[in-house]
C-alpha atoms as a PDB file:
ATOM      1  CA  THR A   1      -0.031  -0.039  -0.016  1.00  0.00           C
ATOM      2  CA  GLU A   2       2.884   2.417   0.841  1.00  0.00           C
ATOM      3  CA  GLN A   3       4.398   1.797  -2.535  1.00  0.00           C
ATOM      4  CA  VAL A   4       1.232   2.361  -4.363  1.00  0.00           C
ATOM      5  CA  ASN A   5       0.646   5.618  -2.431  1.00  0.00           C
ATOM      6  CA  ALA A   6       4.198   6.733  -3.039  1.00  0.00           C
ATOM      7  CA  GLU A   7       3.696   6.115  -6.798  1.00  0.00           C
ATOM      8  CA  GLN A   8       0.476   7.940  -6.923  1.00  0.00           C
ATOM      9  CA  ASN A   9       1.995  11.010  -5.064  1.00  0.00           C
ATOM     10  CA  ARG A  10       4.883  10.966  -7.393  1.00  0.00           C
ATOM     11  CA  ARG A  11       2.614  11.064 -10.540  1.00  0.00           C
ATOM     12  CA  GLU A  12       0.516  13.860  -8.915  1.00  0.00           C
ATOM     13  CA  PHE A  13       3.710  15.775  -8.103  1.00  0.00           C
ATOM     14  CA  THR A  14       4.930  15.347 -11.678  1.00  0.00           C
ATOM     15  CA  ALA A  15       1.713  16.511 -13.119  1.00  0.00           C
ATOM     16  CA  ASN A  16       1.649  19.536 -10.792  1.00  0.00           C
ATOM     17  CA  ILE A  17       5.205  20.529 -11.574  1.00  0.00           C
ATOM     18  CA  SER A  18       4.405  20.347 -15.234  1.00  0.00           C
ATOM     19  CA  HIS A  19       1.516  22.607 -14.888  1.00  0.00           C
ATOM     20  CA  GLU A  20       3.183  25.057 -12.587  1.00  0.00           C
ATOM     21  CA  LEU A  21       6.200  25.336 -14.914  1.00  0.00           C
ATOM     22  CA  LYS A  22       4.179  25.640 -18.050  1.00  0.00           C
ATOM     23  CA  THR A  23       2.104  28.535 -16.837  1.00  0.00           C
ATOM     24  CA  PRO A  24       4.903  31.241 -16.418  1.00  0.00           C
ATOM     25  CA  LEU A  25       6.698  29.821 -19.515  1.00  0.00           C
ATOM     26  CA  GLN A  26       3.627  30.433 -21.694  1.00  0.00           C
ATOM     27  CA  SER A  27       3.246  33.913 -20.410  1.00  0.00           C
ATOM     28  CA  ILE A  28       7.042  34.634 -20.985  1.00  0.00           C
ATOM     29  CA  ILE A  29       6.730  33.090 -24.549  1.00  0.00           C
ATOM     30  CA  GLY A  30       3.538  35.065 -25.335  1.00  0.00           C
ATOM     31  CA  SER A  31       4.830  38.452 -24.145  1.00  0.00           C
ATOM     32  CA  SER A  32       8.332  37.924 -26.042  1.00  0.00           C
ATOM     33  CA  GLU A  33       6.473  36.974 -29.285  1.00  0.00           C
ATOM     34  CA  LEU A  34       4.472  40.153 -29.222  1.00  0.00           C
ATOM     35  CA  ILE A  35       7.587  42.233 -28.558  1.00  0.00           C
ATOM     36  CA  GLU A  36       9.539  40.200 -31.495  1.00  0.00           C
ATOM     37  CA  ASN A  37       6.665  40.714 -33.831  1.00  0.00           C
ATOM     38  CA  GLY A  38       6.647  44.565 -33.280  1.00  0.00           C
ATOM     39  CA  VAL A  39       2.997  44.444 -31.828  1.00  0.00           C
ATOM     40  CA  VAL A  40       3.926  46.155 -28.711  1.00  0.00           C
ATOM     41  CA  LYS A  41       3.998  49.966 -28.783  1.00  0.00           C
ATOM     42  CA  GLN A  42       7.264  51.625 -27.576  1.00  0.00           C
ATOM     43  CA  GLU A  43       5.567  53.209 -24.589  1.00  0.00           C
ATOM     44  CA  ASP A  44       4.288  49.727 -23.547  1.00  0.00           C
ATOM     45  CA  LEU A  45       7.596  48.033 -23.883  1.00  0.00           C
ATOM     46  CA  PRO A  46       8.739  48.649 -20.269  1.00  0.00           C
ATOM     47  CA  ARG A  47       5.515  47.045 -18.943  1.00  0.00           C
ATOM     48  CA  PHE A  48       5.933  43.966 -21.139  1.00  0.00           C
ATOM     49  CA  VAL A  49       9.533  43.552 -20.226  1.00  0.00           C
ATOM     50  CA  GLY A  50       8.673  43.861 -16.544  1.00  0.00           C
ATOM     51  CA  HIS A  51       6.025  41.154 -16.891  1.00  0.00           C
ATOM     52  CA  ILE A  52       8.683  38.903 -18.477  1.00  0.00           C
ATOM     53  CA  ARG A  53      11.088  39.574 -15.629  1.00  0.00           C
ATOM     54  CA  LYS A  54       8.434  38.976 -13.040  1.00  0.00           C
ATOM     55  CA  GLU A  55       7.443  35.583 -14.641  1.00  0.00           C
ATOM     56  CA  ALA A  56      11.071  34.473 -15.089  1.00  0.00           C
ATOM     57  CA  SER A  57      11.629  35.347 -11.403  1.00  0.00           C
ATOM     58  CA  ARG A  58       8.687  33.381 -10.252  1.00  0.00           C
ATOM     59  CA  LEU A  59       9.914  30.411 -12.330  1.00  0.00           C
ATOM     60  CA  VAL A  60      13.410  30.593 -10.696  1.00  0.00           C
ATOM     61  CA  THR A  61      11.746  30.618  -7.277  1.00  0.00           C
ATOM     62  CA  LEU A  62       9.623  27.568  -8.332  1.00  0.00           C
ATOM     63  CA  ILE A  63      12.662  25.635  -9.457  1.00  0.00           C
ATOM     64  CA  GLU A  64      14.682  26.502  -6.326  1.00  0.00           C
ATOM     65  CA  ASP A  65      11.790  25.133  -4.182  1.00  0.00           C
ATOM     66  CA  ILE A  66      11.469  21.955  -6.251  1.00  0.00           C
ATOM     67  CA  ILE A  67      15.167  21.424  -5.770  1.00  0.00           C
ATOM     68  CA  ARG A  68      14.844  21.918  -1.993  1.00  0.00           C
ATOM     69  CA  LEU A  69      12.001  19.474  -1.827  1.00  0.00           C
ATOM     70  CA  SER A  70      13.801  16.856  -3.962  1.00  0.00           C
ATOM     71  CA  GLN A  71      16.965  17.147  -1.652  1.00  0.00           C
ATOM     72  CA  LEU A  72      14.702  16.672   1.466  1.00  0.00           C
ATOM     73  CA  ASP A  73      13.010  13.680  -0.123  1.00  0.00           C
ATOM     74  CA  SER A  74      16.318  11.953  -0.547  1.00  0.00           C
ATOM     75  CA  LYS A  75      16.714  12.085   3.259  1.00  0.00           C
ATOM     76  CA  PRO A  76      20.375  13.341   2.948  1.00  0.00           C
ATOM     77  CA  GLU A  77      22.826  13.223   5.866  1.00  0.00           C
ATOM     78  CA  LEU A  78      23.503  16.928   6.625  1.00  0.00           C
ATOM     79  CA  GLU A  79      25.869  18.401   9.087  1.00  0.00           C
ATOM     80  CA  SER A  80      24.276  19.372  12.375  1.00  0.00           C
ATOM     81  CA  GLU A  81      25.453  22.198  14.654  1.00  0.00           C
ATOM     82  CA  GLU A  82      24.201  24.142  17.708  1.00  0.00           C
ATOM     83  CA  VAL A  83      21.753  26.821  16.404  1.00  0.00           C
ATOM     84  CA  SER A  84      19.914  29.619  18.253  1.00  0.00           C
ATOM     85  CA  LEU A  85      16.405  29.822  17.012  1.00  0.00           C
ATOM     86  CA  TYR A  86      16.162  33.365  18.438  1.00  0.00           C
ATOM     87  CA  GLU A  87      19.127  34.578  16.544  1.00  0.00           C
ATOM     88  CA  LEU A  88      18.047  32.728  13.341  1.00  0.00           C
ATOM     89  CA  SER A  89      14.570  34.450  13.794  1.00  0.00           C
ATOM     90  CA  GLU A  90      16.310  37.727  13.894  1.00  0.00           C
ATOM     91  CA  GLU A  91      18.127  36.986  10.701  1.00  0.00           C
ATOM     92  CA  VAL A  92      14.814  36.149   8.930  1.00  0.00           C
ATOM     93  CA  ILE A  93      13.212  39.440  10.135  1.00  0.00           C
ATOM     94  CA  GLU A  94      16.115  41.307   8.732  1.00  0.00           C
ATOM     95  CA  VAL A  95      15.871  39.606   5.277  1.00  0.00           C
ATOM     96  CA  LEU A  96      12.031  40.054   5.256  1.00  0.00           C
ATOM     97  CA  THR A  97      11.868  43.683   6.552  1.00  0.00           C
ATOM     98  CA  ASP A  98      11.412  45.219   3.030  1.00  0.00           C
ATOM     99  CA  THR A  99       8.706  42.622   2.068  1.00  0.00           C
ATOM    100  CA  ALA A 100       6.954  43.306   5.391  1.00  0.00           C
ATOM    101  CA  ALA A 101       7.167  47.168   5.006  1.00  0.00           C
ATOM    102  CA  MET A 102       5.544  46.974   1.571  1.00  0.00           C
ATOM    103  CA  LYS A 103       2.517  45.641   3.315  1.00  0.00           C
ATOM    104  CA  GLN A 104       2.856  47.784   6.405  1.00  0.00           C
ATOM    105  CA  ILE A 105       3.352  44.676   8.545  1.00  0.00           C
ATOM    106  CA  SER A 106       5.390  44.813  11.679  1.00  0.00           C
ATOM    107  CA  MET A 107       7.604  41.753  12.648  1.00  0.00           C
ATOM    108  CA  ASN A 108       8.811  40.776  16.122  1.00  0.00           C
ATOM    109  CA  VAL A 109      10.553  37.958  17.963  1.00  0.00           C
ATOM    110  CA  SER A 110      10.470  37.350  21.595  1.00  0.00           C
ATOM    111  CA  GLY A 111      11.239  34.632  24.079  1.00  0.00           C
ATOM    112  CA  GLU A 112      14.372  32.606  25.075  1.00  0.00           C
ATOM    113  CA  LYS A 113      17.622  32.159  23.163  1.00  0.00           C
ATOM    114  CA  SER A 114      17.192  28.386  22.933  1.00  0.00           C
ATOM    115  CA  ILE A 115      19.868  26.292  21.297  1.00  0.00           C
ATOM    116  CA  ILE A 116      18.926  23.303  19.179  1.00  0.00           C
ATOM    117  CA  LYS A 117      21.222  20.787  17.576  1.00  0.00           C
ATOM    118  CA  GLY A 118      20.223  20.691  13.915  1.00  0.00           C
ATOM    119  CA  VAL A 119      20.869  21.780  10.292  1.00  0.00           C
ATOM    120  CA  ARG A 120      20.976  25.521  10.208  1.00  0.00           C
ATOM    121  CA  ARG A 121      19.945  25.936   6.751  1.00  0.00           C
ATOM    122  CA  LEU A 122      16.816  23.747   7.175  1.00  0.00           C
ATOM    123  CA  LEU A 123      16.024  25.478  10.390  1.00  0.00           C
ATOM    124  CA  TYR A 124      16.293  28.798   8.631  1.00  0.00           C
ATOM    125  CA  GLU A 125      14.037  27.616   5.818  1.00  0.00           C
ATOM    126  CA  ILE A 126      11.355  26.635   8.472  1.00  0.00           C
ATOM    127  CA  ILE A 127      11.331  30.179  10.060  1.00  0.00           C
ATOM    128  CA  TYR A 128      11.668  31.987   6.652  1.00  0.00           C
ATOM    129  CA  ASN A 129       8.839  30.148   5.017  1.00  0.00           C
ATOM    130  CA  LEU A 130       6.498  30.512   7.967  1.00  0.00           C
ATOM    131  CA  CYS A 131       7.153  34.145   8.188  1.00  0.00           C
ATOM    132  CA  ASP A 132       7.029  34.682   4.410  1.00  0.00           C
ATOM    133  CA  ASN A 133       3.419  33.009   4.453  1.00  0.00           C
ATOM    134  CA  ALA A 134       2.359  34.953   7.363  1.00  0.00           C
ATOM    135  CA  ILE A 135       3.207  38.336   5.525  1.00  0.00           C
ATOM    136  CA  LYS A 136       1.583  37.131   2.262  1.00  0.00           C
ATOM    137  CA  TYR A 137      -1.603  36.208   3.919  1.00  0.00           C
ATOM    138  CA  ASN A 138      -1.824  39.149   6.180  1.00  0.00           C
ATOM    139  CA  GLU A 139      -3.606  42.402   5.954  1.00  0.00           C
ATOM    140  CA  PRO A 140      -1.936  45.903   5.725  1.00  0.00           C
ATOM    141  CA  GLY A 141      -1.183  46.978   9.168  1.00  0.00           C
ATOM    142  CA  GLY A 142      -0.947  43.523  10.486  1.00  0.00           C
ATOM    143  CA  HIS A 143       1.558  41.769  12.731  1.00  0.00           C
ATOM    144  CA  VAL A 144       3.869  38.668  12.504  1.00  0.00           C
ATOM    145  CA  ASP A 145       5.229  37.482  15.834  1.00  0.00           C
ATOM    146  CA  ILE A 146       7.704  34.842  16.333  1.00  0.00           C
ATOM    147  CA  SER A 147       8.124  33.434  19.947  1.00  0.00           C
ATOM    148  CA  ILE A 148      10.674  30.959  21.248  1.00  0.00           C
ATOM    149  CA  SER A 149      10.208  29.060  24.440  1.00  0.00           C
ATOM    150  CA  GLN A 150      11.390  25.952  26.094  1.00  0.00           C
ATOM    151  CA  ASN A 151      10.441  23.333  28.632  1.00  0.00           C
ATOM    152  CA  ASP A 152      12.169  20.270  29.950  1.00  0.00           C
ATOM    153  CA  ASP A 153      11.319  18.137  26.838  1.00  0.00           C
ATOM    154  CA  GLU A 154      10.782  20.575  23.974  1.00  0.00           C
ATOM    155  CA  ILE A 155      11.823  23.707  22.317  1.00  0.00           C
ATOM    156  CA  ILE A 156       8.791  25.493  20.956  1.00  0.00           C
ATOM    157  CA  LEU A 157       8.798  27.915  17.882  1.00  0.00           C
ATOM    158  CA  ALA A 158       5.588  29.646  17.109  1.00  0.00           C
ATOM    159  CA  VAL A 159       4.799  32.072  14.237  1.00  0.00           C
ATOM    160  CA  GLN A 160       1.658  34.054  14.752  1.00  0.00           C
ATOM    161  CA  ASP A 161      -0.156  36.406  12.497  1.00  0.00           C
ATOM    162  CA  ASP A 162      -3.436  38.343  12.336  1.00  0.00           C
ATOM    163  CA  GLY A 163      -4.225  37.824   8.701  1.00  0.00           C
ATOM    164  CA  ILE A 164      -6.840  36.174   6.717  1.00  0.00           C
ATOM    165  CA  GLY A 165      -6.717  32.774   8.328  1.00  0.00           C
ATOM    166  CA  ILE A 166      -7.274  29.243   6.962  1.00  0.00           C
ATOM    167  CA  ALA A 167     -10.791  27.716   7.037  1.00  0.00           C
ATOM    168  CA  PRO A 168     -11.134  24.305   8.904  1.00  0.00           C
ATOM    169  CA  GLU A 169     -11.519  22.195   5.603  1.00  0.00           C
ATOM    170  CA  HIS A 170      -8.198  23.532   4.267  1.00  0.00           C
ATOM    171  CA  GLN A 171      -6.069  23.179   7.457  1.00  0.00           C
ATOM    172  CA  GLU A 172      -5.025  19.446   7.000  1.00  0.00           C
ATOM    173  CA  LYS A 173      -4.169  20.015   3.408  1.00  0.00           C
ATOM    174  CA  VAL A 174      -2.006  23.222   3.485  1.00  0.00           C
ATOM    175  CA  PHE A 175       1.128  21.346   3.984  1.00  0.00           C
ATOM    176  CA  GLU A 176       0.566  19.360   0.693  1.00  0.00           C
ATOM    177  CA  ARG A 177       2.761  20.210  -2.323  1.00  0.00           C
ATOM    178  CA  PHE A 178       1.152  22.974  -4.437  1.00  0.00           C
ATOM    179  CA  TYR A 179      -1.899  23.182  -2.390  1.00  0.00           C
ATOM    180  CA  ARG A 180      -3.158  26.731  -2.283  1.00  0.00           C
ATOM    181  CA  VAL A 181      -6.117  27.912  -0.086  1.00  0.00           C
ATOM    182  CA  ASP A 182      -6.525  30.969  -2.292  1.00  0.00           C
ATOM    183  CA  LYS A 183      -5.108  30.431  -5.745  1.00  0.00           C
ATOM    184  CA  SER A 184      -5.629  34.115  -6.841  1.00  0.00           C
ATOM    185  CA  HIS A 185      -4.031  35.553  -3.736  1.00  0.00           C
ATOM    186  CA  SER A 186      -1.113  33.127  -4.097  1.00  0.00           C
ATOM    187  CA  LYS A 187      -0.393  34.183  -7.713  1.00  0.00           C
ATOM    188  CA  GLN A 188      -0.515  37.843  -6.896  1.00  0.00           C
ATOM    189  CA  SER A 189       1.856  37.372  -4.029  1.00  0.00           C
ATOM    190  CA  GLY A 190       4.214  35.181  -5.888  1.00  0.00           C
ATOM    191  CA  GLY A 191       3.686  32.103  -3.965  1.00  0.00           C
ATOM    192  CA  THR A 192       4.782  28.790  -5.316  1.00  0.00           C
ATOM    193  CA  GLY A 193       2.595  26.478  -3.255  1.00  0.00           C
ATOM    194  CA  LEU A 194       5.699  24.751  -1.870  1.00  0.00           C
ATOM    195  CA  GLY A 195       6.795  26.835   1.208  1.00  0.00           C
ATOM    196  CA  LEU A 196       4.785  24.856   3.835  1.00  0.00           C
ATOM    197  CA  SER A 197       5.644  21.676   2.279  1.00  0.00           C
ATOM    198  CA  ILE A 198       9.318  22.510   2.730  1.00  0.00           C
ATOM    199  CA  VAL A 199       8.531  23.393   6.189  1.00  0.00           C
ATOM    200  CA  LYS A 200       6.878  19.997   6.928  1.00  0.00           C
ATOM    201  CA  HIS A 201       9.779  18.053   5.481  1.00  0.00           C
ATOM    202  CA  ALA A 202      12.359  20.103   7.214  1.00  0.00           C
ATOM    203  CA  VAL A 203      10.503  19.597  10.592  1.00  0.00           C
ATOM    204  CA  GLN A 204      10.446  15.947   9.946  1.00  0.00           C
ATOM    205  CA  TYR A 205      14.018  15.866   9.290  1.00  0.00           C
ATOM    206  CA  HIS A 206      14.661  17.234  12.771  1.00  0.00           C
ATOM    207  CA  HIS A 207      12.025  14.756  14.100  1.00  0.00           C
ATOM    208  CA  GLY A 208       9.753  17.631  15.145  1.00  0.00           C
ATOM    209  CA  LYS A 209       6.012  18.141  15.196  1.00  0.00           C
ATOM    210  CA  ILE A 210       3.671  20.930  13.585  1.00  0.00           C
ATOM    211  CA  VAL A 211       0.518  22.238  15.160  1.00  0.00           C
ATOM    212  CA  LEU A 212      -1.634  24.565  13.103  1.00  0.00           C
ATOM    213  CA  GLU A 213      -4.359  26.774  14.772  1.00  0.00           C
ATOM    214  CA  SER A 214      -6.274  29.220  12.628  1.00  0.00           C
ATOM    215  CA  GLN A 215      -9.544  31.170  12.423  1.00  0.00           C
ATOM    216  CA  VAL A 216     -10.716  32.924   9.185  1.00  0.00           C
ATOM    217  CA  ASN A 217     -10.344  36.740   9.515  1.00  0.00           C
ATOM    218  CA  VAL A 218      -8.698  36.221  12.885  1.00  0.00           C
ATOM    219  CA  GLY A 219      -5.315  34.862  12.064  1.00  0.00           C
ATOM    220  CA  THR A 220      -3.136  31.770  12.157  1.00  0.00           C
ATOM    221  CA  THR A 221      -0.468  30.349  14.576  1.00  0.00           C
ATOM    222  CA  ILE A 222       1.872  27.545  13.391  1.00  0.00           C
ATOM    223  CA  THR A 223       3.827  25.976  16.255  1.00  0.00           C
ATOM    224  CA  VAL A 224       6.746  23.642  15.699  1.00  0.00           C
ATOM    225  CA  LEU A 225       7.928  21.499  18.502  1.00  0.00           C
ATOM    226  CA  PHE A 226      11.485  20.089  18.690  1.00  0.00           C
ATOM    227  CA  ASP A 227      12.868  17.678  21.165  1.00  0.00           C
ATOM    228  CA  THR A 228      15.443  19.374  23.275  1.00  0.00           C
ATOM    229  CA  ILE A 229      17.844  16.446  22.410  1.00  0.00           C
ATOM    230  CA  ALA A 230      17.232  16.880  18.555  1.00  0.00           C
END
């Protein structure tokens, strides 16, 4: 049964990849053909070139995410080190400052400077993708709060936003590859539909657990629980 499910998932993933790659490529080809054939007016040229650049950037991001997932699927042996989730969160906030500012969203990290033994790059991906999603699906003037806490058994990373939220029927599916709650919103914000899937696989690599709590038009909190001995 596991082999059958794995094969079905592989076929679905391949079909989804084909569709997701084809869409921006068709847009790039269409715009470039119009320019090549002299149909585009000179004053409209910057808009068409900008559209090509945007779709090409989206394509590169999508390919990078596919590569990351492929690497995680192969369950590689990666070098672990002691990592401060608090300091890593500060790095993510610095990188996403401009993105958040464009939507007038404030970001904050609070809690303990807990140290985890893990793969720094993957832990960064977890925090980055959770925060990036929290920004994308937030409202202007909203907040994204990262908190780090620890008890005897677990280190707890939580990313909370006060955005559009996720309806109950979607909550179990949002970590699936290419699953989008709001396809139009995802396209406008440049989402690939792979961010939370990368989070899930990176958390699994560290033998952690994910808990999602969300209410529509109230916000979402995604909590990641790591064993202190991870």
